[in-house]
Amino acid sequence: MNQSVHFITLSTLDLNAARSFYTDGLGWRPLMDVPGEIIFFQIAPGTVLGLFEAGAFARDMAGGPEDARLGGLTLAHNVASPEEVDAVVARAVKAGARLVKSPQKAAFGGYHGHIADPNGVVWEVCHNPGWSVDEDGTVSLAPVED
């Protein structure tokens, strides 16, 4: 199997609140939006994030409501500077995100903060100078010097 993920799909208890968070709070544009069911966002070349209404998600899994719960999970978004971390976190909180961890210097040497979307999905907004993506999409990670 090719080492890749094409869709990341999350169950959401409140699709309308999630839509508002991602479109108004983060400024994302939907790739496809099926009201009352699912919304998709392209998040990287060939990679899509889907937010699936919890009841529809459970039915799709052929299971009950317990199948719609999320386990421990964070999503991360890297930005170009600590100032951009502050701005993204502030904008998201203004749009309804819950502040989990105020932006601050990270243990790895970068700068980050954590917010939760209306469904409790935790996002790390991060400035990591050791992270980069080459033209071909290859990710490089290097230690961050203090």
Protein backbone atom coordinates (compact mmCIF):
# COMPACT_ATOMS: atom_id res chain seq x y z
CA MET A 1 0.00 0.00 0.00
CA ASN A 2 1.23 3.48 -0.87
CA GLN A 3 2.17 5.38 2.32
CA SER A 4 -0.43 8.14 2.13
CA VAL A 5 -3.73 9.30 3.58
CA HIS A 6 -6.22 10.84 1.18
CA PHE A 7 -9.16 11.57 3.50
CA ILE A 8 -9.27 12.33 7.21
CA THR A 9 -12.90 12.14 8.32
CA LEU A 10 -14.04 13.32 11.74
CA SER A 11 -17.42 12.80 13.35
CA THR A 12 -19.05 16.05 14.44
CA LEU A 13 -21.99 16.51 16.79
CA ASP A 14 -22.80 19.97 15.39
CA LEU A 15 -22.07 20.25 11.68
CA ASN A 16 -23.27 23.87 11.50
CA ALA A 17 -20.95 24.95 14.33
CA ALA A 18 -18.08 23.05 12.70
CA ARG A 19 -18.82 24.71 9.35
CA SER A 20 -18.76 28.15 10.98
CA PHE A 21 -15.49 27.39 12.80
CA TYR A 22 -13.67 26.18 9.70
CA THR A 23 -15.08 28.72 7.21
CA ASP A 24 -15.46 31.82 9.39
CA GLY A 25 -12.83 31.08 12.04
CA LEU A 26 -10.07 29.57 9.93
CA GLY A 27 -11.11 31.12 6.61
CA TRP A 28 -11.22 27.79 4.77
CA ARG A 29 -13.25 27.25 1.57
CA PRO A 30 -15.24 24.02 1.28
CA LEU A 31 -14.41 21.61 -1.51
CA MET A 32 -17.92 20.14 -1.15
CA ASP A 33 -20.68 20.87 1.34
CA VAL A 34 -23.68 18.56 1.80
CA PRO A 35 -25.86 20.37 4.37
CA GLY A 36 -26.92 18.16 7.27
CA GLU A 37 -24.45 15.44 6.30
CA ILE A 38 -20.80 16.28 5.54
CA ILE A 39 -18.43 19.07 4.54
CA PHE A 40 -15.06 18.52 2.84
CA PHE A 41 -11.98 20.77 2.75
CA GLN A 42 -8.85 20.15 0.70
CA ILE A 43 -6.06 20.49 3.26
CA ALA A 44 -3.01 19.48 1.22
CA PRO A 45 -2.19 18.19 -2.26
CA GLY A 46 -4.37 15.11 -2.61
CA THR A 47 -5.59 15.27 0.99
CA VAL A 48 -9.11 16.10 2.18
CA LEU A 49 -10.56 16.68 5.66
CA GLY A 50 -14.19 15.63 6.03
CA LEU A 51 -16.47 16.66 8.90
CA PHE A 52 -19.32 14.13 9.02
CA GLU A 53 -22.49 14.75 11.06
CA ALA A 54 -22.34 12.25 13.96
CA GLY A 55 -25.61 10.43 13.22
CA ALA A 56 -24.75 10.06 9.53
CA PHE A 57 -21.22 8.99 10.51
CA ALA A 58 -22.57 6.25 12.81
CA ARG A 59 -24.98 5.02 10.13
CA ASP A 60 -22.13 4.95 7.61
CA MET A 61 -20.12 2.82 10.05
CA ALA A 62 -23.18 0.54 10.46
CA GLY A 63 -23.00 1.15 14.18
CA GLY A 64 -24.53 3.05 17.05
CA PRO A 65 -23.76 6.43 18.59
CA GLU A 66 -20.66 5.10 20.38
CA ASP A 67 -19.08 4.61 16.95
CA ALA A 68 -19.35 8.36 16.33
CA ARG A 69 -17.05 9.37 19.23
CA LEU A 70 -13.53 10.64 18.68
CA GLY A 71 -10.55 9.18 20.46
CA GLY A 72 -7.45 11.18 21.39
CA LEU A 73 -6.55 13.25 18.35
CA THR A 74 -4.97 16.56 17.44
CA LEU A 75 -4.58 18.20 14.07
CA ALA A 76 -1.73 20.63 13.52
CA HIS A 77 -1.34 23.63 11.24
CA ASN A 78 2.07 25.19 10.73
CA VAL A 79 2.43 28.91 10.03
CA ALA A 80 5.33 31.21 9.12
CA SER A 81 5.85 33.09 12.40
CA PRO A 82 4.93 33.32 16.09
CA GLU A 83 2.87 36.40 15.25
CA GLU A 84 0.84 34.35 12.79
CA VAL A 85 0.23 31.74 15.52
CA ASP A 86 -1.19 34.52 17.71
CA ALA A 87 -3.38 35.85 14.88
CA VAL A 88 -4.78 32.45 13.86
CA VAL A 89 -5.56 31.48 17.46
CA ALA A 90 -7.26 34.85 18.12
CA ARG A 91 -9.35 34.61 14.95
CA ALA A 92 -10.44 31.05 15.75
CA VAL A 93 -11.37 31.93 19.35
CA LYS A 94 -13.40 34.87 18.07
CA ALA A 95 -15.28 32.43 15.80
CA GLY A 96 -16.14 30.08 18.67
CA ALA A 97 -13.05 27.96 19.29
CA ARG A 98 -12.20 27.08 22.88
CA LEU A 99 -8.71 28.14 23.91
CA VAL A 100 -6.95 25.01 25.19
CA LYS A 101 -3.41 26.39 25.54
CA SER A 102 -2.42 30.01 25.00
CA PRO A 103 0.27 30.58 22.36
CA GLN A 104 3.70 30.15 23.91
CA LYS A 105 7.20 28.84 23.34
CA ALA A 106 7.05 25.10 22.67
CA ALA A 107 9.18 22.44 24.34
CA PHE A 108 10.67 21.59 20.92
CA GLY A 109 11.86 25.18 20.45
CA GLY A 110 9.14 26.59 18.20
CA TYR A 111 6.00 28.48 19.20
CA HIS A 112 2.49 27.08 19.43
CA GLY A 113 -1.00 27.29 20.89
CA HIS A 114 -3.94 24.89 21.04
CA ILE A 115 -7.61 25.51 20.27
CA ALA A 116 -10.60 23.19 20.13
CA ASP A 117 -13.26 23.40 17.46
CA PRO A 118 -16.94 23.26 18.49
CA ASN A 119 -16.77 19.44 18.52
CA GLY A 120 -13.73 19.24 20.78
CA VAL A 121 -11.21 18.48 18.01
CA VAL A 122 -7.96 20.01 19.22
CA TRP A 123 -5.87 21.98 16.75
CA GLU A 124 -2.26 22.91 17.37
CA VAL A 125 -1.33 26.13 15.58
CA CYS A 126 2.43 26.09 15.34
CA HIS A 127 5.48 27.94 14.11
CA ASN A 128 8.10 25.21 13.71
CA PRO A 129 11.26 26.46 11.99
CA GLY A 130 12.47 22.85 11.69
CA TRP A 131 9.53 21.85 9.47
CA SER A 132 9.45 22.37 5.72
CA VAL A 133 7.87 20.90 2.61
CA ASP A 134 9.92 20.44 -0.57
CA GLU A 135 8.50 21.22 -4.02
CA ASP A 136 7.69 17.54 -4.51
CA GLY A 137 5.68 17.50 -1.27
CA THR A 138 8.29 15.71 0.84
CA VAL A 139 8.19 16.84 4.47
CA SER A 140 11.48 17.57 6.25
CA LEU A 141 11.76 17.73 10.03
CA ALA A 142 14.88 18.97 11.76
CA PRO A 143 15.68 19.80 15.37
CA VAL A 144 14.98 23.43 16.31
CA GLU A 145 17.95 25.29 17.76
CA ASP A 146 17.17 27.66 20.64
